[in-house]
Amino acid sequence: MDGNKRWVSGDLRHPDRDPDRRQFVAEKQEPFGAILSCIDSRVPPELLFDTGLGDLYVMRTGGEAVGPVVTGSVEYGPMTSGTPLIVVLGHQRCGAVEAAYKSIRDGKPLPGNLEAIAKALRPAYEQAVREGGADPVETMARAQVKLTADDLRSNQDLAPLVEKGALAVVGAYYSLDTGKVEVLTGAPS
């Protein structure tokens, strides 16, 4: 979050981005966090958290949709090297969430494998419909973050790490307008 404050203020340090760091991590990596974020080109986790080479495991899928391969990728750091943090990062004006919302609402399947994203986001759609609100797509985007973070937190392999305090699973939301990341759920104490 300190890195995000630097991103918002423009006082960037660009840590761990030089040939020395490349050499240092060439043999071994020990990222301090794993980020599951959207594919959106405006939401690069390494930049908006002002981190560098070897600092983060980053997985990106449309609307933070998950399945077995994505979940396994998120589990990799915490389960193999003790990475203590997972962040599920949604964002403002998410095109994948908007497309899924409209597809589900209108009963018109998305083309190709995009329909798999809509199916993965259906629980967030259903929650957004129950919650209502002025902007149902934003409600759905936030719901997706919370649901995904909750699922990871209670996952049979990650839950024991969470319970003993070795892992925090945080749901967060990025504002395209301000650059600020807001923690929605799971902030470590």
N, C-alpha and C. Protein backbone atom coordinates (compact mmCIF):
# COMPACT_ATOMS: atom_id res chain seq x y z
N MET A 1 0.83 -1.20 0.00
CA MET A 1 0.00 0.00 0.00
C MET A 1 0.87 1.26 0.00
N ASP A 2 2.08 1.15 0.56
CA ASP A 2 3.00 2.30 0.48
C ASP A 2 3.36 2.58 -0.97
N GLY A 3 3.56 1.51 -1.73
CA GLY A 3 3.85 1.67 -3.15
C GLY A 3 2.70 2.31 -3.90
N ASN A 4 1.46 1.98 -3.51
CA ASN A 4 0.32 2.60 -4.16
C ASN A 4 0.23 4.08 -3.80
N LYS A 5 0.59 4.42 -2.58
CA LYS A 5 0.60 5.85 -2.20
C LYS A 5 1.60 6.61 -3.07
N ARG A 6 2.75 5.98 -3.34
CA ARG A 6 3.74 6.62 -4.22
C ARG A 6 3.19 6.76 -5.64
N TRP A 7 2.47 5.74 -6.13
CA TRP A 7 1.86 5.77 -7.45
C TRP A 7 0.87 6.92 -7.55
N VAL A 8 0.03 7.07 -6.53
CA VAL A 8 -0.99 8.12 -6.54
C VAL A 8 -0.33 9.51 -6.53
N SER A 9 0.70 9.67 -5.70
CA SER A 9 1.35 10.98 -5.57
C SER A 9 2.33 11.28 -6.70
N GLY A 10 2.76 10.24 -7.42
CA GLY A 10 3.75 10.44 -8.47
C GLY A 10 5.18 10.43 -7.96
N ASP A 11 5.35 10.11 -6.67
CA ASP A 11 6.68 10.06 -6.06
C ASP A 11 7.21 8.62 -6.12
N LEU A 12 7.41 8.13 -7.34
CA LEU A 12 7.77 6.73 -7.56
C LEU A 12 9.24 6.46 -7.27
N ARG A 13 9.49 5.28 -6.72
CA ARG A 13 10.87 4.86 -6.44
C ARG A 13 11.38 3.87 -7.48
N HIS A 14 10.47 3.21 -8.19
CA HIS A 14 10.83 2.17 -9.16
C HIS A 14 11.85 1.19 -8.56
N PRO A 15 11.52 0.57 -7.43
CA PRO A 15 12.49 -0.32 -6.78
C PRO A 15 12.73 -1.59 -7.58
N ASP A 16 13.86 -2.18 -7.36
CA ASP A 16 14.17 -3.52 -7.89
C ASP A 16 14.02 -3.62 -9.39
N ARG A 17 14.49 -2.58 -10.10
CA ARG A 17 14.37 -2.58 -11.56
C ARG A 17 15.70 -2.23 -12.22
N ASP A 18 16.72 -3.00 -11.92
CA ASP A 18 18.01 -2.73 -12.53
C ASP A 18 18.75 -4.06 -12.75
N PRO A 19 19.89 -4.02 -13.45
CA PRO A 19 20.63 -5.26 -13.72
C PRO A 19 21.06 -6.00 -12.46
N ASP A 20 21.38 -5.27 -11.39
CA ASP A 20 21.76 -5.94 -10.14
C ASP A 20 20.61 -6.79 -9.61
N ARG A 21 19.40 -6.24 -9.64
CA ARG A 21 18.24 -6.98 -9.16
C ARG A 21 17.98 -8.18 -10.07
N ARG A 22 18.13 -7.99 -11.37
CA ARG A 22 17.93 -9.10 -12.31
C ARG A 22 18.88 -10.24 -11.97
N GLN A 23 20.12 -9.92 -11.71
CA GLN A 23 21.11 -10.95 -11.33
C GLN A 23 20.74 -11.60 -10.00
N PHE A 24 20.28 -10.80 -9.05
CA PHE A 24 19.93 -11.29 -7.72
C PHE A 24 18.80 -12.32 -7.77
N VAL A 25 17.78 -12.06 -8.59
CA VAL A 25 16.62 -12.96 -8.65
C VAL A 25 16.75 -14.04 -9.73
N ALA A 26 17.85 -14.03 -10.47
CA ALA A 26 18.01 -15.00 -11.56
C ALA A 26 17.97 -16.44 -11.06
N GLU A 27 18.52 -16.69 -9.90
CA GLU A 27 18.60 -18.05 -9.37
C GLU A 27 17.41 -18.44 -8.50
N LYS A 28 16.79 -17.45 -7.84
CA LYS A 28 15.72 -17.75 -6.89
C LYS A 28 14.81 -16.54 -6.73
N GLN A 29 13.52 -16.81 -6.56
CA GLN A 29 12.58 -15.73 -6.32
C GLN A 29 11.89 -15.91 -4.97
N GLU A 30 11.58 -14.81 -4.32
CA GLU A 30 10.84 -14.83 -3.06
C GLU A 30 9.89 -13.64 -3.02
N PRO A 31 8.89 -13.60 -3.91
CA PRO A 31 7.94 -12.49 -3.92
C PRO A 31 7.21 -12.35 -2.59
N PHE A 32 6.94 -11.12 -2.19
CA PHE A 32 6.23 -10.89 -0.93
C PHE A 32 4.72 -10.93 -1.11
N GLY A 33 4.24 -10.97 -2.37
CA GLY A 33 2.81 -11.01 -2.60
C GLY A 33 2.45 -11.67 -3.90
N ALA A 34 1.21 -12.14 -3.96
CA ALA A 34 0.63 -12.69 -5.18
C ALA A 34 -0.60 -11.84 -5.48
N ILE A 35 -0.70 -11.35 -6.70
CA ILE A 35 -1.81 -10.49 -7.09
C ILE A 35 -2.61 -11.18 -8.19
N LEU A 36 -3.91 -11.30 -7.97
CA LEU A 36 -4.82 -11.75 -9.01
C LEU A 36 -5.59 -10.52 -9.44
N SER A 37 -5.34 -10.07 -10.66
CA SER A 37 -6.01 -8.86 -11.14
C SER A 37 -6.60 -9.11 -12.52
N CYS A 38 -7.17 -8.08 -13.07
CA CYS A 38 -7.82 -8.14 -14.37
C CYS A 38 -6.79 -7.98 -15.49
N ILE A 39 -7.17 -8.39 -16.67
CA ILE A 39 -6.31 -8.24 -17.84
C ILE A 39 -6.23 -6.81 -18.34
N ASP A 40 -7.05 -5.93 -17.81
CA ASP A 40 -7.14 -4.55 -18.29
C ASP A 40 -5.76 -3.89 -18.37
N SER A 41 -5.47 -3.29 -19.51
CA SER A 41 -4.16 -2.69 -19.75
C SER A 41 -3.89 -1.48 -18.87
N ARG A 42 -4.91 -0.96 -18.22
CA ARG A 42 -4.76 0.21 -17.36
C ARG A 42 -4.49 -0.16 -15.91
N VAL A 43 -4.36 -1.46 -15.63
CA VAL A 43 -4.24 -1.93 -14.25
C VAL A 43 -3.04 -2.87 -14.09
N PRO A 44 -1.82 -2.39 -14.35
CA PRO A 44 -0.64 -3.25 -14.17
C PRO A 44 -0.18 -3.25 -12.70
N PRO A 45 -0.36 -4.35 -11.99
CA PRO A 45 -0.05 -4.37 -10.55
C PRO A 45 1.37 -3.90 -10.20
N GLU A 46 2.36 -4.30 -11.00
CA GLU A 46 3.74 -3.92 -10.67
C GLU A 46 3.91 -2.41 -10.67
N LEU A 47 3.18 -1.71 -11.54
CA LEU A 47 3.28 -0.25 -11.58
C LEU A 47 2.47 0.41 -10.49
N LEU A 48 1.21 0.00 -10.33
CA LEU A 48 0.36 0.72 -9.38
C LEU A 48 0.70 0.43 -7.93
N PHE A 49 1.54 -0.57 -7.69
CA PHE A 49 2.08 -0.79 -6.34
C PHE A 49 3.56 -0.40 -6.27
N ASP A 50 4.09 0.20 -7.35
CA ASP A 50 5.48 0.66 -7.42
C ASP A 50 6.45 -0.42 -6.92
N THR A 51 6.37 -1.59 -7.55
CA THR A 51 7.24 -2.71 -7.21
C THR A 51 8.14 -3.03 -8.38
N GLY A 52 8.99 -4.02 -8.20
CA GLY A 52 9.92 -4.35 -9.26
C GLY A 52 10.06 -5.84 -9.49
N LEU A 53 11.14 -6.17 -10.14
CA LEU A 53 11.45 -7.54 -10.54
C LEU A 53 11.56 -8.46 -9.32
N GLY A 54 10.79 -9.53 -9.34
CA GLY A 54 10.86 -10.51 -8.27
C GLY A 54 10.04 -10.16 -7.04
N ASP A 55 9.29 -9.07 -7.06
CA ASP A 55 8.53 -8.66 -5.87
C ASP A 55 7.15 -9.31 -5.80
N LEU A 56 6.53 -9.58 -6.95
CA LEU A 56 5.15 -10.08 -6.97
C LEU A 56 4.98 -11.24 -7.94
N TYR A 57 4.15 -12.20 -7.54
CA TYR A 57 3.58 -13.13 -8.49
C TYR A 57 2.34 -12.42 -9.03
N VAL A 58 2.14 -12.40 -10.33
CA VAL A 58 0.98 -11.70 -10.89
C VAL A 58 0.23 -12.63 -11.85
N MET A 59 -1.06 -12.80 -11.57
CA MET A 59 -1.96 -13.55 -12.43
C MET A 59 -3.02 -12.57 -12.89
N ARG A 60 -3.34 -12.60 -14.18
CA ARG A 60 -4.35 -11.68 -14.70
C ARG A 60 -5.35 -12.44 -15.55
N THR A 61 -6.62 -12.27 -15.21
CA THR A 61 -7.70 -12.87 -15.97
C THR A 61 -8.82 -11.85 -16.13
N GLY A 62 -9.65 -12.02 -17.13
CA GLY A 62 -10.78 -11.11 -17.33
C GLY A 62 -11.69 -11.11 -16.11
N GLY A 63 -11.84 -9.95 -15.47
CA GLY A 63 -12.72 -9.82 -14.32
C GLY A 63 -12.31 -10.64 -13.12
N GLU A 64 -11.03 -11.01 -13.02
CA GLU A 64 -10.51 -11.87 -11.95
C GLU A 64 -11.25 -13.20 -11.90
N ALA A 65 -11.69 -13.68 -13.07
CA ALA A 65 -12.36 -14.98 -13.15
C ALA A 65 -11.36 -16.07 -12.77
N VAL A 66 -11.83 -17.05 -12.02
CA VAL A 66 -10.94 -18.12 -11.59
C VAL A 66 -11.45 -19.47 -12.05
N GLY A 67 -10.54 -20.40 -12.10
CA GLY A 67 -10.78 -21.80 -12.40
C GLY A 67 -9.61 -22.55 -11.81
N PRO A 68 -9.52 -23.85 -11.99
CA PRO A 68 -8.47 -24.63 -11.35
C PRO A 68 -7.03 -24.17 -11.67
N VAL A 69 -6.74 -23.82 -12.91
CA VAL A 69 -5.37 -23.40 -13.26
C VAL A 69 -5.04 -22.06 -12.61
N VAL A 70 -5.99 -21.14 -12.62
CA VAL A 70 -5.76 -19.83 -12.00
C VAL A 70 -5.61 -19.99 -10.50
N THR A 71 -6.50 -20.76 -9.88
CA THR A 71 -6.40 -20.98 -8.43
C THR A 71 -5.07 -21.62 -8.08
N GLY A 72 -4.65 -22.60 -8.86
CA GLY A 72 -3.33 -23.22 -8.63
C GLY A 72 -2.21 -22.21 -8.75
N SER A 73 -2.32 -21.31 -9.71
CA SER A 73 -1.29 -20.29 -9.88
C SER A 73 -1.25 -19.35 -8.68
N VAL A 74 -2.42 -19.00 -8.15
CA VAL A 74 -2.48 -18.14 -6.96
C VAL A 74 -1.90 -18.88 -5.75
N GLU A 75 -2.18 -20.16 -5.65
CA GLU A 75 -1.69 -20.97 -4.52
C GLU A 75 -0.18 -21.17 -4.54
N TYR A 76 0.43 -21.06 -5.71
CA TYR A 76 1.84 -21.42 -5.87
C TYR A 76 2.75 -20.74 -4.84
N GLY A 77 2.73 -19.44 -4.76
CA GLY A 77 3.62 -18.72 -3.84
C GLY A 77 3.41 -19.08 -2.39
N PRO A 78 2.18 -18.97 -1.88
CA PRO A 78 1.96 -19.30 -0.48
C PRO A 78 2.28 -20.76 -0.14
N MET A 79 2.01 -21.67 -1.07
CA MET A 79 2.18 -23.09 -0.76
C MET A 79 3.59 -23.60 -1.01
N THR A 80 4.37 -22.92 -1.85
CA THR A 80 5.72 -23.43 -2.13
C THR A 80 6.83 -22.62 -1.47
N SER A 81 6.58 -21.33 -1.25
CA SER A 81 7.67 -20.52 -0.69
C SER A 81 7.22 -19.59 0.43
N GLY A 82 6.00 -19.79 0.93
CA GLY A 82 5.55 -19.01 2.07
C GLY A 82 5.18 -17.56 1.78
N THR A 83 4.86 -17.24 0.53
CA THR A 83 4.42 -15.88 0.22
C THR A 83 3.26 -15.53 1.16
N PRO A 84 3.37 -14.43 1.92
CA PRO A 84 2.40 -14.16 2.97
C PRO A 84 1.16 -13.36 2.57
N LEU A 85 1.05 -12.98 1.29
CA LEU A 85 -0.03 -12.10 0.90
C LEU A 85 -0.59 -12.46 -0.47
N ILE A 86 -1.91 -12.52 -0.55
CA ILE A 86 -2.63 -12.61 -1.82
C ILE A 86 -3.55 -11.40 -1.88
N VAL A 87 -3.53 -10.71 -3.01
CA VAL A 87 -4.47 -9.61 -3.23
C VAL A 87 -5.29 -9.92 -4.48
N VAL A 88 -6.60 -9.89 -4.32
CA VAL A 88 -7.51 -9.97 -5.45
C VAL A 88 -7.86 -8.53 -5.77
N LEU A 89 -7.50 -8.08 -6.96
CA LEU A 89 -7.60 -6.67 -7.31
C LEU A 89 -8.57 -6.44 -8.46
N GLY A 90 -9.74 -5.90 -8.14
CA GLY A 90 -10.69 -5.49 -9.16
C GLY A 90 -10.47 -4.03 -9.48
N HIS A 91 -11.26 -3.51 -10.41
CA HIS A 91 -11.05 -2.11 -10.77
C HIS A 91 -12.30 -1.46 -11.35
N GLN A 92 -12.27 -0.17 -11.34
CA GLN A 92 -13.33 0.69 -11.86
C GLN A 92 -13.48 0.49 -13.37
N ARG A 93 -14.70 0.55 -13.84
CA ARG A 93 -15.02 0.47 -15.27
C ARG A 93 -14.40 -0.76 -15.94
N CYS A 94 -14.60 -1.92 -15.34
CA CYS A 94 -14.06 -3.17 -15.87
C CYS A 94 -14.88 -3.63 -17.07
N GLY A 95 -14.25 -3.71 -18.22
CA GLY A 95 -14.92 -4.13 -19.44
C GLY A 95 -15.39 -5.57 -19.39
N ALA A 96 -14.60 -6.45 -18.77
CA ALA A 96 -15.00 -7.86 -18.67
C ALA A 96 -16.24 -8.01 -17.81
N VAL A 97 -16.28 -7.29 -16.70
CA VAL A 97 -17.45 -7.35 -15.83
C VAL A 97 -18.66 -6.76 -16.54
N GLU A 98 -18.47 -5.65 -17.23
CA GLU A 98 -19.59 -5.03 -17.95
C GLU A 98 -20.14 -5.97 -19.03
N ALA A 99 -19.25 -6.61 -19.77
CA ALA A 99 -19.69 -7.54 -20.82
C ALA A 99 -20.45 -8.72 -20.21
N ALA A 100 -19.93 -9.26 -19.11
CA ALA A 100 -20.59 -10.37 -18.44
C ALA A 100 -21.95 -9.94 -17.89
N TYR A 101 -21.99 -8.77 -17.29
CA TYR A 101 -23.24 -8.25 -16.74
C TYR A 101 -24.33 -8.17 -17.82
N LYS A 102 -23.98 -7.54 -18.94
CA LYS A 102 -24.95 -7.37 -20.02
C LYS A 102 -25.36 -8.73 -20.62
N SER A 103 -24.39 -9.63 -20.76
CA SER A 103 -24.68 -10.95 -21.32
C SER A 103 -25.66 -11.72 -20.44
N ILE A 104 -25.39 -11.73 -19.15
CA ILE A 104 -26.26 -12.46 -18.22
C ILE A 104 -27.62 -11.78 -18.13
N ARG A 105 -27.63 -10.47 -18.00
CA ARG A 105 -28.89 -9.71 -17.89
C ARG A 105 -29.78 -9.94 -19.11
N ASP A 106 -29.16 -9.89 -20.30
CA ASP A 106 -29.92 -9.98 -21.54
C ASP A 106 -30.12 -11.41 -22.05
N GLY A 107 -29.48 -12.38 -21.38
CA GLY A 107 -29.59 -13.76 -21.82
C GLY A 107 -28.95 -14.02 -23.17
N LYS A 108 -27.91 -13.25 -23.49
CA LYS A 108 -27.21 -13.41 -24.77
C LYS A 108 -25.77 -13.84 -24.50
N PRO A 109 -25.44 -15.10 -24.78
CA PRO A 109 -24.09 -15.59 -24.52
C PRO A 109 -23.03 -14.79 -25.27
N LEU A 110 -21.89 -14.66 -24.63
CA LEU A 110 -20.74 -14.00 -25.26
C LEU A 110 -20.10 -14.96 -26.25
N PRO A 111 -19.41 -14.45 -27.27
CA PRO A 111 -18.79 -15.33 -28.26
C PRO A 111 -17.57 -16.08 -27.71
N GLY A 112 -17.32 -17.23 -28.32
CA GLY A 112 -16.12 -18.01 -28.01
C GLY A 112 -15.97 -18.32 -26.53
N ASN A 113 -14.73 -18.29 -26.08
CA ASN A 113 -14.43 -18.59 -24.69
C ASN A 113 -14.73 -17.44 -23.73
N LEU A 114 -15.17 -16.30 -24.28
CA LEU A 114 -15.59 -15.20 -23.40
C LEU A 114 -16.77 -15.63 -22.54
N GLU A 115 -17.56 -16.56 -23.03
CA GLU A 115 -18.70 -17.05 -22.25
C GLU A 115 -18.24 -17.69 -20.94
N ALA A 116 -17.04 -18.29 -20.93
CA ALA A 116 -16.51 -18.89 -19.70
C ALA A 116 -16.30 -17.81 -18.63
N ILE A 117 -15.92 -16.61 -19.06
CA ILE A 117 -15.75 -15.50 -18.11
C ILE A 117 -17.12 -15.13 -17.54
N ALA A 118 -18.11 -14.99 -18.40
CA ALA A 118 -19.45 -14.66 -17.92
C ALA A 118 -19.95 -15.70 -16.93
N LYS A 119 -19.75 -16.97 -17.22
CA LYS A 119 -20.19 -18.02 -16.30
C LYS A 119 -19.46 -17.92 -14.96
N ALA A 120 -18.17 -17.64 -15.00
CA ALA A 120 -17.40 -17.51 -13.76
C ALA A 120 -17.86 -16.31 -12.93
N LEU A 121 -18.38 -15.28 -13.60
CA LEU A 121 -18.79 -14.06 -12.91
C LEU A 121 -20.27 -14.07 -12.50
N ARG A 122 -20.99 -15.13 -12.84
CA ARG A 122 -22.43 -15.19 -12.52
C ARG A 122 -22.72 -14.98 -11.03
N PRO A 123 -21.99 -15.59 -10.09
CA PRO A 123 -22.29 -15.33 -8.68
C PRO A 123 -22.18 -13.84 -8.31
N ALA A 124 -21.23 -13.14 -8.89
CA ALA A 124 -21.10 -11.70 -8.63
C ALA A 124 -22.28 -10.95 -9.24
N TYR A 125 -22.73 -11.38 -10.40
CA TYR A 125 -23.91 -10.78 -11.03
C TYR A 125 -25.12 -10.95 -10.11
N GLU A 126 -25.32 -12.17 -9.63
CA GLU A 126 -26.47 -12.45 -8.78
C GLU A 126 -26.42 -11.62 -7.50
N GLN A 127 -25.23 -11.47 -6.93
CA GLN A 127 -25.10 -10.64 -5.73
C GLN A 127 -25.38 -9.18 -6.04
N ALA A 128 -24.90 -8.69 -7.17
CA ALA A 128 -25.14 -7.30 -7.57
C ALA A 128 -26.63 -7.03 -7.78
N VAL A 129 -27.33 -7.99 -8.34
CA VAL A 129 -28.78 -7.83 -8.54
C VAL A 129 -29.47 -7.75 -7.18
N ARG A 130 -29.06 -8.60 -6.24
CA ARG A 130 -29.66 -8.57 -4.89
C ARG A 130 -29.37 -7.24 -4.19
N GLU A 131 -28.13 -6.74 -4.33
CA GLU A 131 -27.73 -5.51 -3.63
C GLU A 131 -28.31 -4.25 -4.27
N GLY A 132 -28.50 -4.27 -5.58
CA GLY A 132 -28.97 -3.08 -6.26
C GLY A 132 -27.89 -2.01 -6.30
N GLY A 133 -28.29 -0.76 -6.30
CA GLY A 133 -27.32 0.32 -6.34
C GLY A 133 -27.40 1.11 -7.62
N ALA A 134 -26.78 2.26 -7.60
CA ALA A 134 -26.84 3.19 -8.74
C ALA A 134 -26.13 2.65 -9.97
N ASP A 135 -25.04 1.92 -9.78
CA ASP A 135 -24.26 1.40 -10.90
C ASP A 135 -24.07 -0.10 -10.71
N PRO A 136 -24.95 -0.91 -11.31
CA PRO A 136 -24.87 -2.35 -11.07
C PRO A 136 -23.57 -2.99 -11.56
N VAL A 137 -22.92 -2.43 -12.56
CA VAL A 137 -21.65 -3.00 -13.04
C VAL A 137 -20.56 -2.80 -11.99
N GLU A 138 -20.50 -1.62 -11.38
CA GLU A 138 -19.52 -1.38 -10.32
C GLU A 138 -19.82 -2.25 -9.10
N THR A 139 -21.10 -2.41 -8.79
CA THR A 139 -21.49 -3.29 -7.68
C THR A 139 -21.03 -4.71 -7.97
N MET A 140 -21.20 -5.14 -9.21
CA MET A 140 -20.79 -6.49 -9.61
C MET A 140 -19.26 -6.63 -9.54
N ALA A 141 -18.53 -5.62 -9.98
CA ALA A 141 -17.06 -5.68 -9.94
C ALA A 141 -16.57 -5.83 -8.51
N ARG A 142 -17.15 -5.06 -7.60
CA ARG A 142 -16.76 -5.16 -6.18
C ARG A 142 -17.17 -6.51 -5.58
N ALA A 143 -18.35 -6.98 -5.97
CA ALA A 143 -18.80 -8.29 -5.49
C ALA A 143 -17.86 -9.39 -5.95
N GLN A 144 -17.40 -9.30 -7.19
CA GLN A 144 -16.48 -10.31 -7.72
C GLN A 144 -15.19 -10.37 -6.89
N VAL A 145 -14.67 -9.21 -6.54
CA VAL A 145 -13.45 -9.17 -5.72
C VAL A 145 -13.70 -9.86 -4.38
N LYS A 146 -14.77 -9.48 -3.72
CA LYS A 146 -15.05 -10.04 -2.39
C LYS A 146 -15.30 -11.54 -2.45
N LEU A 147 -16.10 -11.98 -3.43
CA LEU A 147 -16.38 -13.41 -3.55
C LEU A 147 -15.12 -14.22 -3.84
N THR A 148 -14.29 -13.70 -4.74
CA THR A 148 -13.05 -14.42 -5.07
C THR A 148 -12.11 -14.46 -3.88
N ALA A 149 -11.95 -13.34 -3.19
CA ALA A 149 -11.08 -13.32 -2.00
C ALA A 149 -11.62 -14.27 -0.93
N ASP A 150 -12.94 -14.27 -0.72
CA ASP A 150 -13.53 -15.18 0.26
C ASP A 150 -13.30 -16.64 -0.12
N ASP A 151 -13.46 -16.95 -1.42
CA ASP A 151 -13.23 -18.33 -1.88
C ASP A 151 -11.79 -18.75 -1.66
N LEU A 152 -10.84 -17.87 -1.97
CA LEU A 152 -9.43 -18.21 -1.77
C LEU A 152 -9.12 -18.35 -0.28
N ARG A 153 -9.67 -17.47 0.52
CA ARG A 153 -9.41 -17.49 1.97
C ARG A 153 -9.92 -18.78 2.60
N SER A 154 -11.01 -19.34 2.07
CA SER A 154 -11.59 -20.56 2.63
C SER A 154 -11.21 -21.82 1.85
N ASN A 155 -10.39 -21.67 0.83
CA ASN A 155 -9.90 -22.78 0.02
C ASN A 155 -9.23 -23.82 0.94
N GLN A 156 -9.45 -25.10 0.67
CA GLN A 156 -8.95 -26.15 1.57
C GLN A 156 -7.43 -26.11 1.76
N ASP A 157 -6.70 -25.63 0.78
CA ASP A 157 -5.24 -25.60 0.90
C ASP A 157 -4.73 -24.29 1.50
N LEU A 158 -5.44 -23.18 1.26
CA LEU A 158 -5.00 -21.89 1.78
C LEU A 158 -5.56 -21.58 3.16
N ALA A 159 -6.76 -22.10 3.49
CA ALA A 159 -7.40 -21.80 4.77
C ALA A 159 -6.51 -22.10 5.97
N PRO A 160 -5.78 -23.23 6.00
CA PRO A 160 -4.91 -23.46 7.16
C PRO A 160 -3.83 -22.38 7.32
N LEU A 161 -3.31 -21.88 6.20
CA LEU A 161 -2.30 -20.81 6.27
C LEU A 161 -2.93 -19.51 6.79
N VAL A 162 -4.16 -19.24 6.36
CA VAL A 162 -4.88 -18.05 6.84
C VAL A 162 -5.15 -18.18 8.33
N GLU A 163 -5.63 -19.35 8.75
CA GLU A 163 -5.99 -19.57 10.15
C GLU A 163 -4.81 -19.42 11.09
N LYS A 164 -3.62 -19.83 10.66
CA LYS A 164 -2.46 -19.68 11.55
C LYS A 164 -1.74 -18.34 11.38
N GLY A 165 -2.29 -17.46 10.55
CA GLY A 165 -1.73 -16.12 10.39
C GLY A 165 -0.54 -16.02 9.47
N ALA A 166 -0.28 -17.08 8.69
CA ALA A 166 0.86 -17.08 7.77
C ALA A 166 0.50 -16.47 6.41
N LEU A 167 -0.80 -16.24 6.18
CA LEU A 167 -1.26 -15.73 4.89
C LEU A 167 -2.45 -14.80 5.10
N ALA A 168 -2.40 -13.66 4.43
CA ALA A 168 -3.55 -12.76 4.36
C ALA A 168 -4.06 -12.77 2.93
N VAL A 169 -5.38 -12.85 2.78
CA VAL A 169 -6.01 -12.78 1.47
C VAL A 169 -6.89 -11.53 1.47
N VAL A 170 -6.48 -10.56 0.68
CA VAL A 170 -7.09 -9.24 0.69
C VAL A 170 -7.85 -9.01 -0.61
N GLY A 171 -9.04 -8.48 -0.51
CA GLY A 171 -9.80 -8.03 -1.67
C GLY A 171 -9.64 -6.52 -1.78
N ALA A 172 -9.31 -6.03 -2.96
CA ALA A 172 -9.05 -4.60 -3.15
C ALA A 172 -9.63 -4.11 -4.46
N TYR A 173 -9.77 -2.81 -4.57
CA TYR A 173 -10.42 -2.19 -5.73
C TYR A 173 -9.62 -0.98 -6.15
N TYR A 174 -9.30 -0.91 -7.45
CA TYR A 174 -8.46 0.15 -8.00
C TYR A 174 -9.31 1.19 -8.72
N SER A 175 -9.10 2.45 -8.39
CA SER A 175 -9.78 3.54 -9.08
C SER A 175 -8.94 4.00 -10.27
N LEU A 176 -9.50 3.87 -11.45
CA LEU A 176 -8.81 4.37 -12.65
C LEU A 176 -8.68 5.89 -12.59
N ASP A 177 -9.64 6.56 -11.96
CA ASP A 177 -9.64 8.02 -11.90
C ASP A 177 -8.54 8.58 -11.00
N THR A 178 -8.33 7.93 -9.84
CA THR A 178 -7.39 8.48 -8.86
C THR A 178 -6.08 7.71 -8.76
N GLY A 179 -6.08 6.44 -9.19
CA GLY A 179 -4.91 5.59 -9.03
C GLY A 179 -4.84 4.92 -7.67
N LYS A 180 -5.80 5.17 -6.82
CA LYS A 180 -5.78 4.66 -5.45
C LYS A 180 -6.38 3.26 -5.37
N VAL A 181 -5.74 2.42 -4.57
CA VAL A 181 -6.25 1.09 -4.26
C VAL A 181 -6.95 1.16 -2.91
N GLU A 182 -8.18 0.69 -2.89
CA GLU A 182 -9.00 0.66 -1.68
C GLU A 182 -9.12 -0.80 -1.23
N VAL A 183 -8.82 -1.07 0.04
CA VAL A 183 -8.99 -2.43 0.57
C VAL A 183 -10.46 -2.63 0.89
N LEU A 184 -11.03 -3.71 0.34
CA LEU A 184 -12.44 -4.02 0.57
C LEU A 184 -12.65 -5.06 1.66
N THR A 185 -11.76 -6.02 1.73
CA THR A 185 -11.95 -7.14 2.67
C THR A 185 -10.61 -7.80 2.97
N GLY A 186 -10.51 -8.38 4.17
CA GLY A 186 -9.38 -9.21 4.52
C GLY A 186 -8.10 -8.50 4.88
N ALA A 187 -8.15 -7.21 5.21
CA ALA A 187 -6.92 -6.49 5.57
C ALA A 187 -6.28 -7.13 6.79
N PRO A 188 -4.98 -7.43 6.73
CA PRO A 188 -4.33 -8.01 7.90
C PRO A 188 -4.28 -6.98 9.04
N SER A 189 -4.35 -7.48 10.25
CA SER A 189 -4.34 -6.58 11.41
C SER A 189 -2.94 -6.16 11.79
